[in-house]
C-alpha atoms as a PDB file:
ATOM      1  CA  LYS A   1      22.511 -23.343  31.911  1.00  0.00           C
ATOM      2  CA  PHE A   2      22.610 -22.381  28.241  1.00  0.00           C
ATOM      3  CA  ALA A   3      26.420 -22.326  28.278  1.00  0.00           C
ATOM      4  CA  GLY A   4      26.623 -25.886  29.632  1.00  0.00           C
ATOM      5  CA  LYS A   5      27.958 -27.527  32.757  1.00  0.00           C
ATOM      6  CA  ASN A   6      30.880 -26.094  34.731  1.00  0.00           C
ATOM      7  CA  CYS A   7      30.299 -22.602  33.318  1.00  0.00           C
ATOM      8  CA  TYR A   8      30.031 -19.525  35.522  1.00  0.00           C
ATOM      9  CA  ARG A   9      28.581 -16.065  35.098  1.00  0.00           C
ATOM     10  CA  PHE A  10      29.187 -13.092  37.369  1.00  0.00           C
ATOM     11  CA  TYR A  11      26.819 -10.285  38.254  1.00  0.00           C
ATOM     12  CA  SER A  12      27.213  -7.182  36.093  1.00  0.00           C
ATOM     13  CA  HIS A  13      25.842  -3.826  37.135  1.00  0.00           C
ATOM     14  CA  GLU A  14      25.643  -2.760  33.477  1.00  0.00           C
ATOM     15  CA  VAL A  15      23.559  -5.803  32.570  1.00  0.00           C
ATOM     16  CA  ALA A  16      21.217  -5.159  35.487  1.00  0.00           C
ATOM     17  CA  GLU A  17      20.791  -1.528  34.418  1.00  0.00           C
ATOM     18  CA  ASP A  18      20.054  -2.601  30.854  1.00  0.00           C
ATOM     19  CA  ALA A  19      17.419  -5.063  32.111  1.00  0.00           C
ATOM     20  CA  MET A  20      15.776  -2.289  34.149  1.00  0.00           C
ATOM     21  CA  ARG A  21      15.763   0.038  31.108  1.00  0.00           C
ATOM     22  CA  ARG A  22      14.100  -2.649  29.012  1.00  0.00           C
ATOM     23  CA  MET A  23      11.518  -3.279  31.731  1.00  0.00           C
ATOM     24  CA  ARG A  24      10.689   0.437  31.953  1.00  0.00           C
ATOM     25  CA  MET A  25      10.460   0.651  28.170  1.00  0.00           C
ATOM     26  CA  GLU A  26       8.059  -2.271  28.090  1.00  0.00           C
ATOM     27  CA  GLN A  27       5.880  -0.592  30.731  1.00  0.00           C
ATOM     28  CA  ASN A  28       5.899   2.672  28.750  1.00  0.00           C
ATOM     29  CA  LEU A  29       5.038   0.831  25.532  1.00  0.00           C
ATOM     30  CA  ARG A  30       1.797  -0.420  27.043  1.00  0.00           C
ATOM     31  CA  GLY A  31      -0.893   1.984  25.896  1.00  0.00           C
ATOM     32  CA  ALA A  32       1.573   4.181  23.963  1.00  0.00           C
ATOM     33  CA  TRP A  33      -0.579   4.075  20.815  1.00  0.00           C
ATOM     34  CA  GLU A  34      -3.752   4.904  22.737  1.00  0.00           C
ATOM     35  CA  ARG A  35      -1.993   7.844  24.427  1.00  0.00           C
ATOM     36  CA  GLY A  36      -1.147   9.273  21.014  1.00  0.00           C
ATOM     37  CA  GLU A  37       2.616   8.821  21.434  1.00  0.00           C
ATOM     38  CA  MET A  38       2.977   6.653  18.331  1.00  0.00           C
ATOM     39  CA  SER A  39       2.563   7.626  14.700  1.00  0.00           C
ATOM     40  CA  VAL A  40       3.165   6.228  11.233  1.00  0.00           C
ATOM     41  CA  VAL A  41       5.522   7.903   8.767  1.00  0.00           C
ATOM     42  CA  TYR A  42       6.063   6.984   5.132  1.00  0.00           C
ATOM     43  CA  GLN A  43       9.346   6.530   3.274  1.00  0.00           C
ATOM     44  CA  PRO A  44       8.802   6.988  -0.475  1.00  0.00           C
ATOM     45  CA  ILE A  45       9.651   4.121  -2.817  1.00  0.00           C
ATOM     46  CA  TYR A  46      10.616   4.996  -6.389  1.00  0.00           C
ATOM     47  CA  ARG A  47      10.791   3.072  -9.646  1.00  0.00           C
ATOM     48  CA  THR A  48      14.465   2.674 -10.473  1.00  0.00           C
ATOM     49  CA  SER A  49      14.236   3.143 -14.224  1.00  0.00           C
ATOM     50  CA  ASP A  50      12.847   6.688 -14.156  1.00  0.00           C
ATOM     51  CA  ARG A  51      12.638   7.634 -10.444  1.00  0.00           C
ATOM     52  CA  ALA A  52       8.843   7.794 -10.585  1.00  0.00           C
ATOM     53  CA  LEU A  53       7.155   7.728  -7.177  1.00  0.00           C
ATOM     54  CA  MET A  54       5.331   4.400  -6.795  1.00  0.00           C
ATOM     55  CA  GLY A  55       4.548   3.952  -3.107  1.00  0.00           C
ATOM     56  CA  ALA A  56       5.870   4.122   0.419  1.00  0.00           C
ATOM     57  CA  GLU A  57       6.890   1.972   3.348  1.00  0.00           C
ATOM     58  CA  ALA A  58       4.937   2.617   6.544  1.00  0.00           C
ATOM     59  CA  LEU A  59       7.296   3.047   9.502  1.00  0.00           C
ATOM     60  CA  LEU A  60       6.393   3.256  13.187  1.00  0.00           C
ATOM     61  CA  ARG A  61       7.647   6.161  15.287  1.00  0.00           C
ATOM     62  CA  TRP A  62       7.391   6.620  19.066  1.00  0.00           C
ATOM     63  CA  THR A  63       7.796   9.967  20.792  1.00  0.00           C
ATOM     64  CA  ARG A  64       7.629  10.201  24.595  1.00  0.00           C
ATOM     65  CA  PRO A  65       6.570  13.526  26.170  1.00  0.00           C
ATOM     66  CA  THR A  66       9.526  13.434  28.586  1.00  0.00           C
ATOM     67  CA  GLU A  67      12.179  11.660  26.504  1.00  0.00           C
ATOM     68  CA  GLY A  68      11.465  12.717  22.952  1.00  0.00           C
ATOM     69  CA  ALA A  69      11.849  10.338  19.999  1.00  0.00           C
ATOM     70  CA  ILE A  70      12.783   6.742  20.876  1.00  0.00           C
ATOM     71  CA  PRO A  71      14.813   5.046  18.103  1.00  0.00           C
ATOM     72  CA  PRO A  72      12.930   2.104  16.508  1.00  0.00           C
ATOM     73  CA  GLU A  73      15.989  -0.130  16.906  1.00  0.00           C
ATOM     74  CA  LEU A  74      15.550   0.236  20.659  1.00  0.00           C
ATOM     75  CA  PHE A  75      11.811  -0.186  21.137  1.00  0.00           C
ATOM     76  CA  ILE A  76      10.854  -2.586  18.328  1.00  0.00           C
ATOM     77  CA  PRO A  77      12.840  -5.545  19.806  1.00  0.00           C
ATOM     78  CA  VAL A  78      11.277  -4.884  23.225  1.00  0.00           C
ATOM     79  CA  ALA A  79       7.813  -4.763  21.664  1.00  0.00           C
ATOM     80  CA  GLU A  80       8.489  -8.059  19.862  1.00  0.00           C
ATOM     81  CA  GLN A  81       9.902  -9.879  22.888  1.00  0.00           C
ATOM     82  CA  SER A  82       7.050  -8.716  25.128  1.00  0.00           C
ATOM     83  CA  GLY A  83       4.354  -9.629  22.613  1.00  0.00           C
ATOM     84  CA  LEU A  84       3.114  -6.019  22.461  1.00  0.00           C
ATOM     85  CA  ILE A  85       4.045  -5.862  18.779  1.00  0.00           C
ATOM     86  CA  GLU A  86       0.877  -7.792  17.895  1.00  0.00           C
ATOM     87  CA  ASP A  87      -1.506  -5.063  19.087  1.00  0.00           C
ATOM     88  CA  ILE A  88       0.777  -2.270  17.863  1.00  0.00           C
ATOM     89  CA  GLY A  89       1.116  -3.991  14.494  1.00  0.00           C
ATOM     90  CA  VAL A  90      -2.662  -4.077  14.030  1.00  0.00           C
ATOM     91  CA  HIS A  91      -2.856  -0.335  14.756  1.00  0.00           C
ATOM     92  CA  VAL A  92      -0.107   0.361  12.192  1.00  0.00           C
ATOM     93  CA  LEU A  93      -1.809  -1.835   9.586  1.00  0.00           C
ATOM     94  CA  GLN A  94      -5.159  -0.098  10.071  1.00  0.00           C
ATOM     95  CA  ALA A  95      -3.629   3.390  10.035  1.00  0.00           C
ATOM     96  CA  ALA A  96      -1.534   2.691   6.913  1.00  0.00           C
ATOM     97  CA  CYS A  97      -4.499   1.264   4.984  1.00  0.00           C
ATOM     98  CA  ALA A  98      -6.766   4.164   5.966  1.00  0.00           C
ATOM     99  CA  GLU A  99      -4.123   6.735   5.041  1.00  0.00           C
ATOM    100  CA  ALA A 100      -3.261   5.107   1.708  1.00  0.00           C
ATOM    101  CA  ALA A 101      -6.931   4.922   0.769  1.00  0.00           C
ATOM    102  CA  SER A 102      -7.072   8.729   0.877  1.00  0.00           C
ATOM    103  CA  TRP A 103      -3.958   9.348  -1.218  1.00  0.00           C
ATOM    104  CA  PRO A 104      -4.510  11.203  -4.506  1.00  0.00           C
ATOM    105  CA  GLU A 105      -3.924   9.496  -7.829  1.00  0.00           C
ATOM    106  CA  LEU A 106      -0.355   9.356  -9.152  1.00  0.00           C
ATOM    107  CA  PRO A 107       0.549  11.871 -11.879  1.00  0.00           C
ATOM    108  CA  GLY A 108       0.927   9.085 -14.434  1.00  0.00           C
ATOM    109  CA  GLY A 109      -2.328   7.417 -13.407  1.00  0.00           C
ATOM    110  CA  GLY A 110      -3.025   4.680 -10.913  1.00  0.00           C
ATOM    111  CA  HIS A 111      -2.471   4.807  -7.168  1.00  0.00           C
ATOM    112  CA  ALA A 112       0.542   4.421  -4.895  1.00  0.00           C
ATOM    113  CA  PHE A 113       0.991   1.262  -2.838  1.00  0.00           C
ATOM    114  CA  VAL A 114       1.817   1.097   0.864  1.00  0.00           C
ATOM    115  CA  SER A 115       4.081  -1.559   2.358  1.00  0.00           C
ATOM    116  CA  VAL A 116       3.647  -2.614   5.990  1.00  0.00           C
ATOM    117  CA  ASN A 117       6.066  -4.694   8.039  1.00  0.00           C
ATOM    118  CA  VAL A 118       4.746  -7.857   9.664  1.00  0.00           C
ATOM    119  CA  SER A 119       6.685  -9.205  12.653  1.00  0.00           C
ATOM    120  CA  GLY A 120       7.372 -12.853  13.444  1.00  0.00           C
ATOM    121  CA  GLN A 121       4.880 -12.625  16.311  1.00  0.00           C
ATOM    122  CA  GLN A 122       2.163 -11.450  13.935  1.00  0.00           C
ATOM    123  CA  MET A 123       3.022 -14.195  11.442  1.00  0.00           C
ATOM    124  CA  ARG A 124       2.392 -16.827  14.113  1.00  0.00           C
ATOM    125  CA  ASN A 125      -0.984 -15.321  15.005  1.00  0.00           C
ATOM    126  CA  VAL A 126      -3.799 -17.210  13.276  1.00  0.00           C
ATOM    127  CA  ALA A 127      -5.837 -14.002  13.284  1.00  0.00           C
ATOM    128  CA  LEU A 128      -3.460 -12.154  10.924  1.00  0.00           C
ATOM    129  CA  PHE A 129      -5.389 -13.007   7.771  1.00  0.00           C
ATOM    130  CA  THR A 130      -8.615 -11.652   9.274  1.00  0.00           C
ATOM    131  CA  GLN A 131      -6.822  -8.559  10.595  1.00  0.00           C
ATOM    132  CA  VAL A 132      -5.509  -7.777   7.103  1.00  0.00           C
ATOM    133  CA  THR A 133      -8.818  -8.330   5.325  1.00  0.00           C
ATOM    134  CA  ASP A 134     -10.660  -6.313   7.990  1.00  0.00           C
ATOM    135  CA  ALA A 135      -8.218  -3.400   7.566  1.00  0.00           C
ATOM    136  CA  LEU A 136      -8.760  -3.487   3.804  1.00  0.00           C
ATOM    137  CA  ARG A 137     -12.537  -3.647   4.100  1.00  0.00           C
ATOM    138  CA  HIS A 138     -12.832  -0.860   6.672  1.00  0.00           C
ATOM    139  CA  SER A 139     -10.454   1.451   4.789  1.00  0.00           C
ATOM    140  CA  GLY A 140     -11.691   0.680   1.286  1.00  0.00           C
ATOM    141  CA  LEU A 141      -8.084   0.196   0.108  1.00  0.00           C
ATOM    142  CA  ALA A 142      -7.701  -2.092  -2.901  1.00  0.00           C
ATOM    143  CA  ALA A 143      -5.893  -5.282  -1.829  1.00  0.00           C
ATOM    144  CA  GLU A 144      -3.236  -5.010  -4.543  1.00  0.00           C
ATOM    145  CA  ARG A 145      -2.152  -1.657  -3.090  1.00  0.00           C
ATOM    146  CA  LEU A 146      -1.161  -3.302   0.202  1.00  0.00           C
ATOM    147  CA  HIS A 147       2.285  -4.918   0.303  1.00  0.00           C
ATOM    148  CA  LEU A 148       3.210  -6.905   3.412  1.00  0.00           C
ATOM    149  CA  GLU A 149       6.899  -7.210   4.293  1.00  0.00           C
ATOM    150  CA  VAL A 150       7.885 -10.418   6.096  1.00  0.00           C
ATOM    151  CA  THR A 151      11.367 -11.499   7.154  1.00  0.00           C
ATOM    152  CA  GLU A 152      13.092 -14.729   6.231  1.00  0.00           C
ATOM    153  CA  THR A 153      13.463 -15.522   9.931  1.00  0.00           C
ATOM    154  CA  ALA A 154       9.695 -15.300  10.434  1.00  0.00           C
ATOM    155  CA  VAL A 155       9.119 -17.576   7.443  1.00  0.00           C
ATOM    156  CA  ILE A 156      11.552 -20.347   8.360  1.00  0.00           C
ATOM    157  CA  ARG A 157      10.202 -20.751  11.904  1.00  0.00           C
ATOM    158  CA  ASP A 158       7.246 -22.567  10.356  1.00  0.00           C
ATOM    159  CA  VAL A 159       7.542 -22.743   6.598  1.00  0.00           C
ATOM    160  CA  THR A 160       4.345 -24.753   6.181  1.00  0.00           C
ATOM    161  CA  HIS A 161       2.267 -22.242   8.152  1.00  0.00           C
ATOM    162  CA  ALA A 162       3.944 -19.279   6.424  1.00  0.00           C
ATOM    163  CA  ALA A 163       3.397 -20.750   2.968  1.00  0.00           C
ATOM    164  CA  ASP A 164      -0.306 -21.332   3.673  1.00  0.00           C
ATOM    165  CA  LEU A 165      -0.870 -17.891   5.250  1.00  0.00           C
ATOM    166  CA  LEU A 166       0.957 -15.960   2.542  1.00  0.00           C
ATOM    167  CA  ALA A 167      -0.804 -17.932  -0.197  1.00  0.00           C
ATOM    168  CA  ARG A 168      -4.177 -16.960   1.320  1.00  0.00           C
ATOM    169  CA  LEU A 169      -3.156 -13.301   1.488  1.00  0.00           C
ATOM    170  CA  ARG A 170      -1.895 -13.339  -2.096  1.00  0.00           C
ATOM    171  CA  GLY A 171      -5.117 -15.078  -3.056  1.00  0.00           C
ATOM    172  CA  VAL A 172      -7.136 -11.982  -2.109  1.00  0.00           C
ATOM    173  CA  GLY A 173      -4.727  -9.702  -3.987  1.00  0.00           C
ATOM    174  CA  VAL A 174      -2.289  -8.599  -1.267  1.00  0.00           C
ATOM    175  CA  ARG A 175       1.359  -8.495  -2.399  1.00  0.00           C
ATOM    176  CA  VAL A 176       4.081 -10.091  -0.261  1.00  0.00           C
ATOM    177  CA  TRP A 177       7.701  -8.951  -0.077  1.00  0.00           C
ATOM    178  CA  LEU A 178      10.504 -10.862   1.630  1.00  0.00           C
ATOM    179  CA  ASP A 179      12.314  -8.272   3.751  1.00  0.00           C
ATOM    180  CA  ASP A 180      16.039  -8.026   4.623  1.00  0.00           C
ATOM    181  CA  PHE A 181      16.938 -10.591   1.966  1.00  0.00           C
ATOM    182  CA  GLY A 182      20.551 -11.691   2.312  1.00  0.00           C
ATOM    183  CA  THR A 183      20.856 -11.312   6.082  1.00  0.00           C
ATOM    184  CA  GLY A 184      19.130 -14.564   7.027  1.00  0.00           C
ATOM    185  CA  TYR A 185      19.424 -18.008   5.512  1.00  0.00           C
ATOM    186  CA  SER A 186      18.562 -16.764   2.016  1.00  0.00           C
ATOM    187  CA  SER A 187      17.664 -20.279   0.982  1.00  0.00           C
ATOM    188  CA  LEU A 188      16.389 -20.766  -2.537  1.00  0.00           C
ATOM    189  CA  ASN A 189      14.273 -23.534  -1.045  1.00  0.00           C
ATOM    190  CA  HIS A 190      12.253 -20.870   0.791  1.00  0.00           C
ATOM    191  CA  LEU A 191      11.500 -19.103  -2.479  1.00  0.00           C
ATOM    192  CA  ARG A 192      10.340 -22.422  -3.917  1.00  0.00           C
ATOM    193  CA  ARG A 193       8.029 -23.240  -1.014  1.00  0.00           C
ATOM    194  CA  VAL A 194       6.865 -19.737  -0.066  1.00  0.00           C
ATOM    195  CA  GLN A 195       5.632 -17.710  -3.023  1.00  0.00           C
ATOM    196  CA  VAL A 196       6.416 -13.984  -2.814  1.00  0.00           C
ATOM    197  CA  ASP A 197       6.038 -11.017  -5.139  1.00  0.00           C
ATOM    198  CA  GLY A 198       9.199  -9.139  -4.195  1.00  0.00           C
ATOM    199  CA  LEU A 199      12.542  -9.218  -2.400  1.00  0.00           C
ATOM    200  CA  LYS A 200      14.011  -6.328  -0.426  1.00  0.00           C
ATOM    201  CA  ILE A 201      17.801  -6.374  -0.547  1.00  0.00           C
ATOM    202  CA  ASP A 202      19.112  -5.420   2.880  1.00  0.00           C
ATOM    203  CA  ARG A 203      20.740  -2.022   3.293  1.00  0.00           C
ATOM    204  CA  SER A 204      23.972  -3.650   4.532  1.00  0.00           C
ATOM    205  CA  PHE A 205      24.662  -4.810   0.956  1.00  0.00           C
ATOM    206  CA  ILE A 206      23.703  -1.479  -0.603  1.00  0.00           C
ATOM    207  CA  ALA A 207      25.935   0.497   1.808  1.00  0.00           C
ATOM    208  CA  ASP A 208      29.153  -0.994   0.355  1.00  0.00           C
ATOM    209  CA  LEU A 209      27.939  -1.398  -3.198  1.00  0.00           C
ATOM    210  CA  LEU A 210      30.487   1.088  -4.579  1.00  0.00           C
ATOM    211  CA  GLU A 211      33.482  -0.203  -2.590  1.00  0.00           C
ATOM    212  CA  ASP A 212      32.958  -3.951  -2.188  1.00  0.00           C
ATOM    213  CA  PRO A 213      32.999  -6.042  -5.409  1.00  0.00           C
ATOM    214  CA  GLY A 214      31.569  -8.943  -3.409  1.00  0.00           C
ATOM    215  CA  ASP A 215      28.474  -6.997  -2.365  1.00  0.00           C
ATOM    216  CA  LEU A 216      28.009  -5.772  -5.922  1.00  0.00           C
ATOM    217  CA  ALA A 217      28.262  -9.340  -7.259  1.00  0.00           C
ATOM    218  CA  LEU A 218      25.811 -10.687  -4.665  1.00  0.00           C
ATOM    219  CA  THR A 219      23.351  -7.875  -5.276  1.00  0.00           C
ATOM    220  CA  SER A 220      23.534  -8.341  -9.051  1.00  0.00           C
ATOM    221  CA  ALA A 221      23.106 -12.110  -8.699  1.00  0.00           C
ATOM    222  CA  THR A 222      20.123 -11.668  -6.376  1.00  0.00           C
ATOM    223  CA  MET A 223      18.415  -9.339  -8.849  1.00  0.00           C
ATOM    224  CA  ALA A 224      19.061 -11.694 -11.767  1.00  0.00           C
ATOM    225  CA  MET A 225      17.754 -14.685  -9.793  1.00  0.00           C
ATOM    226  CA  ALA A 226      14.634 -12.818  -8.638  1.00  0.00           C
ATOM    227  CA  HIS A 227      13.828 -11.572 -12.131  1.00  0.00           C
ATOM    228  CA  SER A 228      14.168 -15.088 -13.524  1.00  0.00           C
ATOM    229  CA  LEU A 229      11.466 -16.126 -11.028  1.00  0.00           C
ATOM    230  CA  GLY A 230       9.233 -13.177 -11.882  1.00  0.00           C
ATOM    231  CA  ILE A 231       9.953 -11.473  -8.539  1.00  0.00           C
ATOM    232  CA  VAL A 232      10.542  -7.724  -8.282  1.00  0.00           C
ATOM    233  CA  VAL A 233      13.547  -6.368  -6.362  1.00  0.00           C
ATOM    234  CA  VAL A 234      13.529  -3.449  -3.956  1.00  0.00           C
ATOM    235  CA  ALA A 235      16.836  -1.975  -2.768  1.00  0.00           C
ATOM    236  CA  GLU A 236      16.658  -0.151   0.563  1.00  0.00           C
ATOM    237  CA  GLY A 237      19.208   2.173   2.135  1.00  0.00           C
ATOM    238  CA  VAL A 238      20.161   4.001  -1.067  1.00  0.00           C
ATOM    239  CA  GLU A 239      22.109   7.004   0.218  1.00  0.00           C
ATOM    240  CA  GLN A 240      24.343   7.940  -2.725  1.00  0.00           C
ATOM    241  CA  ARG A 241      23.814   8.782  -6.377  1.00  0.00           C
ATOM    242  CA  GLY A 242      26.396   6.174  -7.369  1.00  0.00           C
ATOM    243  CA  GLN A 243      24.433   3.410  -5.623  1.00  0.00           C
ATOM    244  CA  TYR A 244      21.288   4.420  -7.456  1.00  0.00           C
ATOM    245  CA  ASP A 245      23.107   4.510 -10.813  1.00  0.00           C
ATOM    246  CA  LEU A 246      24.471   0.988 -10.300  1.00  0.00           C
ATOM    247  CA  LEU A 247      21.056  -0.373  -9.338  1.00  0.00           C
ATOM    248  CA  ARG A 248      19.457   1.264 -12.373  1.00  0.00           C
ATOM    249  CA  GLU A 249      22.214  -0.117 -14.612  1.00  0.00           C
ATOM    250  CA  ARG A 250      21.478  -3.622 -13.315  1.00  0.00           C
ATOM    251  CA  GLU A 251      17.743  -3.112 -13.795  1.00  0.00           C
ATOM    252  CA  GLY A 252      16.592  -3.118 -10.187  1.00  0.00           C
ATOM    253  CA  ASP A 253      12.862  -2.469  -9.900  1.00  0.00           C
ATOM    254  CA  PHE A 254      12.412  -0.161  -6.901  1.00  0.00           C
ATOM    255  CA  VAL A 255      14.645   1.894  -4.597  1.00  0.00           C
ATOM    256  CA  GLN A 256      14.242   3.708  -1.313  1.00  0.00           C
ATOM    257  CA  GLY A 257      16.664   5.549   0.945  1.00  0.00           C
ATOM    258  CA  TYR A 258      17.808   8.909   2.257  1.00  0.00           C
ATOM    259  CA  TRP A 259      19.305   9.985  -1.082  1.00  0.00           C
ATOM    260  CA  LEU A 260      15.790   9.869  -2.516  1.00  0.00           C
ATOM    261  CA  SER A 261      13.779  10.904   0.536  1.00  0.00           C
ATOM    262  CA  HIS A 262      13.677  10.663   4.309  1.00  0.00           C
ATOM    263  CA  PRO A 263      10.490   9.256   5.896  1.00  0.00           C
ATOM    264  CA  LEU A 264       7.656  11.775   5.695  1.00  0.00           C
ATOM    265  CA  SER A 265       4.584  12.428   7.800  1.00  0.00           C
ATOM    266  CA  ALA A 266       1.261  11.378   6.293  1.00  0.00           C
ATOM    267  CA  MET A 267       0.534  14.982   5.326  1.00  0.00           C
ATOM    268  CA  GLU A 268       3.970  15.492   3.772  1.00  0.00           C
ATOM    269  CA  PHE A 269       3.677  12.306   1.726  1.00  0.00           C
ATOM    270  CA  ALA A 270       0.234  13.312   0.442  1.00  0.00           C
ATOM    271  CA  ARG A 271       1.736  16.654  -0.650  1.00  0.00           C
ATOM    272  CA  LEU A 272       4.554  14.792  -2.403  1.00  0.00           C
ATOM    273  CA  LEU A 273       1.974  12.762  -4.336  1.00  0.00           C
ATOM    274  CA  ASP A 274       0.295  16.028  -5.380  1.00  0.00           C
END
């Protein structure tokens, strides 16, 4: 039907097997958090200018007793398509806020921030604002230490709703970052209508930063544009010293990636802060 009239599709055993795998994964996802199979890890985020530790991104991990670790790129889409991501997302938000509230002070003073991803499903939920403020109140975490990462795709589905929701969140002190910038529509109109505090340049641009002049030009232009609007820039997927040096040279604000640190357990990240 989607392909139009006079189009045919034939049964594929591989497609059927994939559908069954997805169905089983969805069944296993139900109650996975309550069974203790899911946890939150933290990937450190550093200030580019001096590599000072500033915060961390909260990342969801799922480990099955019989299968071991399930890659996020496999289970996150299933959780989103099934709607389970809404409940899981609330658990992650609450856990990240509670954990961050207990982190020790940074060596230079102040406290580290925690960034939490918000899915398109969560963005469409009218209860998100209350869920965020409840998580902050119950944990005691200062609102400005919570950074929410939203994707361009989630924003453009309903720009009016997104603009209103994000404005309310920013109004109570929560910071908002636009995630995976450069992979979606990357419309400047979105930045005009939806106010954000930061942009995260997608790792696909950072990966070829040293080899592809085009990616370097686009990354540099994005940083210059963001800074002119008073928006900070976070580069993710930094895996080489040369990438970091280029980003520092072009005055990027924050960096994260395997060259700096792999994701750490809550206990490991607290030790890193110490």
